[in-house]
N, C-alpha and C. Protein backbone atom coordinates (compact mmCIF):
# COMPACT_ATOMS: atom_id res chain seq x y z
N MET A 1 63.01 69.65 84.56
CA MET A 1 64.87 69.38 84.01
C MET A 1 65.47 71.18 83.81
N LYS A 2 66.58 70.77 84.33
CA LYS A 2 67.00 72.34 84.24
C LYS A 2 68.23 72.31 83.25
N TRP A 3 68.02 73.20 81.99
CA TRP A 3 68.58 73.81 80.94
C TRP A 3 70.13 74.29 80.64
N ILE A 4 70.09 74.66 82.28
CA ILE A 4 71.34 75.85 82.41
C ILE A 4 71.52 75.45 83.91
N THR A 5 72.76 74.98 83.92
CA THR A 5 73.07 74.89 85.43
C THR A 5 74.23 75.57 86.01
N ALA A 6 74.26 75.28 87.23
CA ALA A 6 75.51 76.15 87.28
C ALA A 6 76.89 76.06 87.10
N ASP A 7 77.27 74.65 86.69
CA ASP A 7 79.12 74.26 85.43
C ASP A 7 78.39 74.85 84.76
N ASP A 8 77.47 75.30 84.11
CA ASP A 8 77.10 75.93 82.30
C ASP A 8 77.69 76.99 82.83
N LEU A 9 77.18 77.54 83.90
CA LEU A 9 77.42 79.15 83.88
C LEU A 9 78.80 79.55 84.59
N ALA A 10 79.42 78.74 84.96
CA ALA A 10 80.74 78.68 85.33
C ALA A 10 81.73 78.16 84.32
N ARG A 11 81.48 77.77 83.21
CA ARG A 11 82.12 77.28 81.89
C ARG A 11 82.17 78.59 81.47
N TRP A 12 80.20 79.12 81.46
CA TRP A 12 80.45 80.63 80.67
C TRP A 12 81.36 81.59 80.85
N ALA A 13 81.42 81.70 81.98
CA ALA A 13 82.08 83.01 83.06
C ALA A 13 83.28 83.29 82.56
N LYS A 14 83.98 82.28 81.92
CA LYS A 14 85.44 82.71 81.60
C LYS A 14 85.58 82.78 80.19
N THR A 15 84.43 83.05 79.74
CA THR A 15 84.27 83.35 78.16
C THR A 15 84.38 84.92 78.24
N LEU A 16 84.96 85.99 77.24
CA LEU A 16 84.59 87.30 77.14
C LEU A 16 83.31 87.77 76.85
N SER A 17 82.63 87.05 76.68
CA SER A 17 80.82 87.90 75.79
C SER A 17 80.25 87.77 77.37
N ALA A 18 80.87 86.99 78.19
CA ALA A 18 80.20 86.71 79.78
C ALA A 18 80.51 88.21 80.19
N GLN A 19 80.95 89.26 80.05
CA GLN A 19 81.30 90.25 80.69
C GLN A 19 80.22 91.19 80.56
N SER A 20 79.60 91.03 79.03
CA SER A 20 78.46 92.30 78.65
C SER A 20 77.57 91.61 78.85
N ASP A 21 77.22 89.86 78.76
CA ASP A 21 75.92 89.75 79.17
C ASP A 21 75.63 88.98 80.39
N LEU A 22 76.16 89.01 81.23
CA LEU A 22 75.56 88.53 82.57
C LEU A 22 74.84 90.13 82.97
N PRO A 23 75.53 91.09 82.76
CA PRO A 23 74.14 93.01 82.90
C PRO A 23 72.91 91.80 82.06
N ALA A 24 72.96 91.49 81.17
CA ALA A 24 72.14 91.36 80.55
C ALA A 24 71.09 90.11 80.97
N LEU A 25 71.48 89.50 81.28
CA LEU A 25 70.64 88.03 82.07
C LEU A 25 70.01 88.49 83.48
N ILE A 26 70.70 89.07 84.06
CA ILE A 26 70.47 89.85 85.41
C ILE A 26 68.97 90.90 85.26
N LYS A 27 69.39 91.36 83.87
CA LYS A 27 68.69 92.49 83.44
C LYS A 27 66.92 91.70 83.37
N ASP A 28 66.95 90.18 82.49
CA ASP A 28 66.13 89.82 82.39
C ASP A 28 65.32 89.11 83.48
N LEU A 29 66.36 88.62 84.24
CA LEU A 29 66.08 88.29 85.42
C LEU A 29 65.00 88.71 86.32
N VAL A 30 65.64 90.21 86.10
CA VAL A 30 64.95 90.82 87.45
C VAL A 30 63.97 91.06 86.58
N ARG A 31 63.39 91.57 85.38
CA ARG A 31 62.56 91.86 84.80
C ARG A 31 60.87 90.64 85.08
N ALA A 32 61.82 89.40 84.82
CA ALA A 32 60.23 88.57 84.68
C ALA A 32 60.20 88.06 86.03
N SER A 33 61.43 88.84 87.46
CA SER A 33 60.45 88.83 88.38
C SER A 33 59.95 89.83 89.11
N ALA A 34 60.10 90.57 89.22
CA ALA A 34 59.79 92.25 89.83
C ALA A 34 58.94 92.57 89.46
N THR A 35 57.69 92.78 89.85
CA THR A 35 56.73 93.92 89.97
C THR A 35 56.58 95.10 90.04
N ASP A 36 55.63 95.98 89.93
CA ASP A 36 55.84 97.59 90.05
C ASP A 36 56.88 97.65 89.97
N ILE A 37 57.72 97.63 89.23
CA ILE A 37 59.04 99.03 88.78
C ILE A 37 58.92 99.97 88.81
N ARG A 38 59.24 100.77 89.66
CA ARG A 38 59.68 102.18 89.88
C ARG A 38 60.49 103.14 89.09
N ALA A 39 61.94 102.45 89.22
CA ALA A 39 63.28 102.68 88.65
C ALA A 39 64.06 101.76 88.12
N PHE A 40 64.56 101.28 86.79
CA PHE A 40 65.46 100.62 86.56
C PHE A 40 66.35 100.46 85.43
N ARG A 41 67.43 100.39 85.73
CA ARG A 41 68.51 100.92 85.04
C ARG A 41 69.82 99.33 84.99
N PHE A 42 69.67 98.74 83.70
CA PHE A 42 70.53 97.51 83.79
C PHE A 42 71.60 98.02 82.87
N PRO A 43 72.80 98.33 82.73
CA PRO A 43 73.62 98.35 81.34
C PRO A 43 73.69 97.39 80.82
N ALA A 44 73.57 96.97 79.78
CA ALA A 44 73.96 95.52 79.08
C ALA A 44 74.82 95.82 77.79
N GLY A 45 75.12 94.63 76.95
CA GLY A 45 75.94 95.01 76.13
C GLY A 45 77.13 95.32 75.63
N ASP A 46 76.95 96.58 74.33
CA ASP A 46 77.84 97.26 74.53
C ASP A 46 77.89 98.50 75.57
N SER A 47 77.00 98.62 76.65
CA SER A 47 77.17 99.79 77.58
C SER A 47 77.55 99.11 78.85
N ALA A 48 77.48 97.80 78.60
CA ALA A 48 77.94 96.83 80.03
C ALA A 48 79.00 97.95 81.20
N GLN A 49 79.76 98.12 79.86
CA GLN A 49 81.22 98.90 80.62
C GLN A 49 81.65 100.33 80.97
N ILE A 50 80.52 100.86 80.70
CA ILE A 50 80.16 102.30 81.51
C ILE A 50 80.68 102.61 82.79
N PRO A 51 80.70 103.78 83.25
CA PRO A 51 80.92 104.07 84.61
C PRO A 51 79.72 103.96 85.10
N GLY A 52 79.84 103.56 86.51
CA GLY A 52 78.39 103.52 87.61
C GLY A 52 78.47 102.24 87.79
N TRP A 53 76.97 102.26 88.52
CA TRP A 53 76.48 101.20 89.20
C TRP A 53 76.35 100.10 87.54
N ASP A 54 75.93 98.76 88.17
CA ASP A 54 76.20 97.86 86.90
C ASP A 54 74.15 97.52 86.71
N GLY A 55 74.06 97.76 87.98
CA GLY A 55 72.50 98.06 87.94
C GLY A 55 71.75 98.81 89.25
N ARG A 56 70.61 99.38 89.00
CA ARG A 56 70.10 100.42 89.83
C ARG A 56 68.60 99.97 89.63
N LEU A 57 67.81 99.45 91.04
CA LEU A 57 66.43 99.07 90.92
C LEU A 57 65.77 99.57 92.20
N ASN A 58 64.33 99.96 91.50
CA ASN A 58 63.63 100.03 92.86
C ASN A 58 62.37 99.59 92.45
N SER A 59 62.01 98.89 93.20
CA SER A 59 60.88 97.86 93.39
C SER A 59 59.65 98.30 94.40
N LEU A 60 58.71 98.08 94.24
CA LEU A 60 57.49 98.11 95.19
C LEU A 60 57.36 96.63 95.87
N SER A 61 57.26 95.51 95.31
CA SER A 61 57.38 94.52 95.85
C SER A 61 58.85 93.35 95.78
N SER A 62 58.67 92.62 96.63
CA SER A 62 59.80 91.81 96.06
C SER A 62 59.58 90.31 95.99
N SER A 63 60.65 89.43 95.36
CA SER A 63 60.54 88.02 95.16
C SER A 63 61.89 87.78 95.77
N LEU A 64 62.43 86.27 95.21
CA LEU A 64 62.98 85.94 96.51
C LEU A 64 64.71 86.41 96.30
N TYR A 65 65.06 86.98 95.06
CA TYR A 65 65.68 87.19 94.23
C TYR A 65 66.09 88.83 94.24
N VAL A 66 64.96 89.77 94.56
CA VAL A 66 64.68 91.00 93.98
C VAL A 66 64.38 91.42 95.31
N PRO A 67 65.41 92.54 95.76
CA PRO A 67 64.39 92.96 97.18
C PRO A 67 63.38 94.15 97.00
N GLU A 68 62.54 94.27 97.81
CA GLU A 68 61.68 95.40 97.72
C GLU A 68 62.43 97.28 97.87
N GLY A 69 62.14 97.96 97.05
CA GLY A 69 62.56 99.33 97.55
C GLY A 69 64.06 99.63 96.83
N ASP A 70 64.60 100.16 97.08
CA ASP A 70 66.06 100.56 96.28
C ASP A 70 67.26 99.40 96.22
N SER A 71 67.05 98.90 94.92
CA SER A 71 68.72 98.03 95.26
C SER A 71 70.00 98.45 94.25
N VAL A 72 71.16 98.17 94.49
CA VAL A 72 72.27 98.75 93.54
C VAL A 72 72.64 97.57 93.38
N TRP A 73 73.08 97.13 92.48
CA TRP A 73 73.65 95.67 91.70
C TRP A 73 75.12 95.90 91.38
N GLU A 74 75.98 95.08 91.84
CA GLU A 74 77.70 94.73 91.08
C GLU A 74 77.38 93.17 90.58
N MET A 75 78.44 93.10 89.11
CA MET A 75 78.77 91.71 88.84
C MET A 75 79.74 92.10 88.70
N GLY A 76 80.31 90.58 88.43
CA GLY A 76 81.65 89.99 87.95
C GLY A 76 82.26 88.99 87.44
N THR A 77 82.33 88.50 86.48
CA THR A 77 82.43 87.12 85.73
C THR A 77 83.84 86.40 86.56
N SER A 78 84.56 87.21 87.57
CA SER A 78 86.23 86.58 87.66
C SER A 78 86.26 85.86 88.40
N ALA A 79 86.95 84.78 88.41
CA ALA A 79 87.13 83.47 89.02
C ALA A 79 87.16 83.94 90.37
N ASP A 80 88.10 85.35 90.79
CA ASP A 80 88.35 85.74 92.19
C ASP A 80 87.20 86.54 92.08
N TYR A 81 86.12 86.05 92.41
CA TYR A 81 84.92 86.56 92.49
C TYR A 81 84.69 87.01 94.18
N LEU A 82 85.76 86.29 95.42
CA LEU A 82 85.13 87.46 96.84
C LEU A 82 86.27 88.43 96.35
N GLY A 83 86.80 88.42 95.70
CA GLY A 83 87.94 89.91 95.67
C GLY A 83 87.50 90.46 94.79
N LYS A 84 86.63 89.82 93.77
CA LYS A 84 85.95 91.37 93.02
C LYS A 84 84.45 91.89 94.02
N ALA A 85 83.54 90.93 94.46
CA ALA A 85 83.20 91.39 95.81
C ALA A 85 83.17 92.23 96.71
N ASN A 86 84.56 92.08 97.55
CA ASN A 86 84.98 92.71 98.38
C ASN A 86 85.48 94.17 97.95
N GLY A 87 86.35 94.19 96.14
CA GLY A 87 86.53 95.44 95.47
C GLY A 87 85.30 96.40 95.65
N ASP A 88 84.34 96.12 94.83
CA ASP A 88 83.04 96.87 94.17
C ASP A 88 82.43 96.93 95.51
N TYR A 89 82.36 96.11 96.56
CA TYR A 89 81.53 96.38 98.23
C TYR A 89 82.31 97.82 98.40
N THR A 90 83.77 97.71 98.83
CA THR A 90 84.66 98.51 98.88
C THR A 90 84.96 99.90 98.51
N LYS A 91 84.78 99.73 97.15
CA LYS A 91 84.72 101.12 96.16
C LYS A 91 83.52 102.05 96.48
N ARG A 92 81.60 100.93 96.52
CA ARG A 92 80.96 101.66 96.46
C ARG A 92 80.38 102.34 97.50
N THR A 93 80.91 101.41 98.61
CA THR A 93 80.41 101.98 99.48
C THR A 93 81.08 103.27 100.43
N ALA A 94 82.41 103.70 99.75
CA ALA A 94 83.37 104.59 100.32
C ALA A 94 82.64 105.64 98.94
N ASN A 95 81.72 105.79 97.97
CA ASN A 95 81.69 106.63 97.31
C ASN A 95 80.13 105.59 96.60
N PRO A 96 79.27 106.12 97.26
CA PRO A 96 77.74 105.51 96.62
C PRO A 96 77.54 106.05 96.00
N GLY A 97 77.86 107.93 95.38
CA GLY A 97 77.20 108.50 95.23
C GLY A 97 76.02 109.07 95.25
N ALA A 98 75.17 109.03 94.43
CA ALA A 98 73.62 109.86 94.63
C ALA A 98 72.96 108.72 95.46
N VAL A 99 73.41 107.86 95.66
CA VAL A 99 72.93 106.58 96.55
C VAL A 99 72.59 107.04 97.86
N ASP A 100 72.24 105.86 98.60
CA ASP A 100 71.66 106.36 100.14
C ASP A 100 71.45 104.74 100.78
N PRO A 101 73.17 104.72 101.17
CA PRO A 101 73.12 103.49 101.71
C PRO A 101 71.90 102.76 102.58
N ALA A 102 71.97 103.65 103.28
CA ALA A 102 71.01 103.32 104.88
C ALA A 102 69.90 102.57 104.30
N VAL A 103 69.14 103.32 102.91
CA VAL A 103 67.81 102.52 102.34
C VAL A 103 67.79 102.14 101.56
N THR A 104 69.35 101.46 101.15
CA THR A 104 69.58 100.90 99.19
C THR A 104 70.11 99.30 100.20
N THR A 105 69.76 98.65 99.50
CA THR A 105 70.62 96.88 99.12
C THR A 105 71.40 96.96 98.09
N PHE A 106 72.17 96.29 98.64
CA PHE A 106 73.67 96.21 98.14
C PHE A 106 73.80 94.95 97.11
N ILE A 107 73.77 94.45 95.80
CA ILE A 107 73.97 92.91 95.42
C ILE A 107 75.22 93.24 94.79
N PHE A 108 75.60 91.81 95.16
CA PHE A 108 77.09 91.54 93.96
C PHE A 108 76.77 89.77 93.61
N VAL A 109 76.87 90.25 92.01
CA VAL A 109 76.71 88.78 91.39
C VAL A 109 77.64 88.23 90.88
N THR A 110 77.71 86.50 90.94
CA THR A 110 78.90 85.63 89.98
C THR A 110 78.50 85.03 89.30
N PRO A 111 78.48 84.63 88.25
CA PRO A 111 78.25 82.92 88.12
C PRO A 111 78.82 81.94 88.29
N HIS A 112 79.75 82.45 89.27
CA HIS A 112 80.56 81.16 89.59
C HIS A 112 79.50 80.79 91.12
N ARG A 113 79.83 79.48 91.47
CA ARG A 113 79.43 78.65 92.53
C ARG A 113 80.31 79.83 93.79
N TRP A 114 79.62 79.96 94.91
CA TRP A 114 81.01 80.76 95.93
C TRP A 114 81.13 79.62 96.25
N VAL A 115 82.39 79.03 96.42
CA VAL A 115 82.38 77.63 97.20
C VAL A 115 84.01 78.50 97.67
N HIS A 116 84.08 79.46 97.95
CA HIS A 116 85.67 79.58 98.55
C HIS A 116 85.88 79.17 99.93
N THR A 117 87.41 78.72 100.08
CA THR A 117 87.09 78.00 101.60
C THR A 117 87.96 78.87 103.01
N ILE A 118 87.73 80.54 102.43
CA ILE A 118 87.94 81.07 103.20
C ILE A 118 86.86 82.35 104.07
N MET A 119 85.70 82.41 103.08
CA MET A 119 84.81 83.50 103.66
C MET A 119 83.82 82.57 102.78
N SER A 120 82.58 81.99 103.02
CA SER A 120 81.18 81.21 102.65
C SER A 120 80.87 82.66 102.49
N ILE A 121 79.74 82.43 101.43
CA ILE A 121 78.73 83.51 100.80
C ILE A 121 77.97 84.08 101.69
N ASP A 122 77.69 83.40 102.51
CA ASP A 122 77.03 83.52 104.12
C ASP A 122 77.41 84.35 104.77
N ALA A 123 79.16 84.06 105.12
CA ALA A 123 79.80 84.83 106.47
C ALA A 123 80.25 86.31 105.67
N TRP A 124 80.31 86.27 104.47
CA TRP A 124 80.84 87.39 103.58
C TRP A 124 79.17 88.68 103.54
N ARG A 125 78.23 87.90 103.60
CA ARG A 125 76.97 89.03 103.73
C ARG A 125 76.83 89.10 105.42
N LYS A 126 77.52 88.39 106.46
CA LYS A 126 77.46 88.50 107.99
C LYS A 126 78.19 89.67 108.03
N GLU A 127 79.18 89.38 107.77
CA GLU A 127 80.87 90.21 107.84
C GLU A 127 80.10 92.07 107.24
N ARG A 128 79.87 91.79 105.81
CA ARG A 128 79.06 93.25 105.50
C ARG A 128 77.72 94.15 106.04
N LEU A 129 77.05 92.92 106.64
CA LEU A 129 75.80 93.51 107.69
C LEU A 129 76.08 94.09 109.13
N ALA A 130 77.38 93.14 109.54
CA ALA A 130 77.46 93.73 110.32
C ALA A 130 77.59 94.91 110.79
N GLU A 131 78.66 95.76 109.73
CA GLU A 131 78.93 97.11 109.40
C GLU A 131 78.19 97.79 109.54
N ASP A 132 76.51 97.38 109.50
CA ASP A 132 75.74 98.43 109.61
C ASP A 132 75.85 99.53 108.72
N LEU A 133 76.21 99.53 107.34
CA LEU A 133 76.05 100.81 106.48
C LEU A 133 75.13 100.72 105.55
N TRP A 134 74.38 99.69 104.74
CA TRP A 134 73.31 99.45 103.56
C TRP A 134 72.63 98.43 104.80
N LYS A 135 71.15 99.00 103.84
CA LYS A 135 69.88 98.40 104.29
C LYS A 135 70.22 96.94 104.19
N ASP A 136 70.30 96.35 103.72
CA ASP A 136 70.75 95.11 103.34
C ASP A 136 71.85 94.80 102.56
N VAL A 137 72.77 93.34 102.60
CA VAL A 137 73.82 93.27 101.58
C VAL A 137 73.15 91.71 101.12
N ARG A 138 73.46 91.49 100.16
CA ARG A 138 73.47 90.17 99.02
C ARG A 138 74.50 89.95 98.27
N ALA A 139 74.61 88.83 98.03
CA ALA A 139 75.18 88.04 97.59
C ALA A 139 74.40 86.72 96.26
N ILE A 140 74.50 87.30 94.98
CA ILE A 140 73.96 85.74 94.55
C ILE A 140 74.69 85.14 93.54
N ASP A 141 74.98 83.58 93.64
CA ASP A 141 76.57 82.48 92.96
C ASP A 141 75.84 81.89 92.20
N GLY A 142 76.28 81.71 91.53
CA GLY A 142 76.20 80.46 90.30
C GLY A 142 74.84 79.13 90.67
N ALA A 143 75.18 78.88 91.65
CA ALA A 143 74.12 78.51 92.31
C ALA A 143 72.36 78.50 92.35
N MET A 144 72.38 80.28 93.18
CA MET A 144 71.70 80.45 93.04
C MET A 144 70.95 81.38 91.81
N LEU A 145 71.84 81.35 90.92
CA LEU A 145 71.40 81.92 89.14
C LEU A 145 70.38 80.44 88.76
N GLU A 146 71.01 79.47 88.80
CA GLU A 146 70.78 78.55 88.32
C GLU A 146 69.18 77.83 88.95
N ASP A 147 69.07 78.13 90.14
CA ASP A 147 67.43 78.49 90.50
C ASP A 147 66.82 79.50 89.79
N TRP A 148 67.46 80.56 89.92
CA TRP A 148 66.50 81.58 89.62
C TRP A 148 65.83 81.62 87.97
N ILE A 149 67.18 81.21 87.04
CA ILE A 149 66.89 80.87 85.91
C ILE A 149 65.82 80.00 85.63
N GLU A 150 66.31 79.45 86.40
CA GLU A 150 64.92 77.70 86.29
C GLU A 150 63.81 78.47 86.66
N GLN A 151 63.50 78.80 87.54
CA GLN A 151 62.27 80.24 88.00
C GLN A 151 61.89 80.68 87.00
N CYS A 152 62.57 81.24 86.11
CA CYS A 152 62.29 82.11 84.74
C CYS A 152 62.47 81.60 83.44
N PRO A 153 61.94 80.37 83.24
CA PRO A 153 62.16 80.10 82.07
C PRO A 153 62.22 80.86 80.88
N ALA A 154 61.26 81.86 80.76
CA ALA A 154 61.54 82.35 79.29
C ALA A 154 62.59 82.68 79.16
N VAL A 155 63.95 83.44 80.25
CA VAL A 155 64.60 84.15 80.08
C VAL A 155 65.92 83.06 80.01
N GLY A 156 66.33 81.80 80.61
CA GLY A 156 66.71 80.75 80.49
C GLY A 156 66.75 79.91 78.90
């Protein structure tokens, strides 16, 4: 039985608290899913609005939603998730800081279902991968979060 659905996540995304709680949710899901974590930084709560990546991870193993190796995470609760994903990707690609995109996976997370009529989640990923700038590019939407939470019942 699913206790948290993609509909619940979409409704929650409209709340002010979701902006600081989404990073906390992802932080908990990553911890519940990844093993052999070497580096971990996911500012949440009052720290969610500090400049920098929304999350950084180095894991020696992978799971369905957590890649092996270095990954950087950007998150947004905006209903314009495509605009947010594009904006974060463009900004971070232009200025990745100390991150080496060639060996790092870029991940964008939204609690909304990615049902955009202009560009599907798979098309967005494929377009970014074609640029060949990052090791991998992924997006996790509300439907995927629903599944991830179901896999980690202690988190949901």
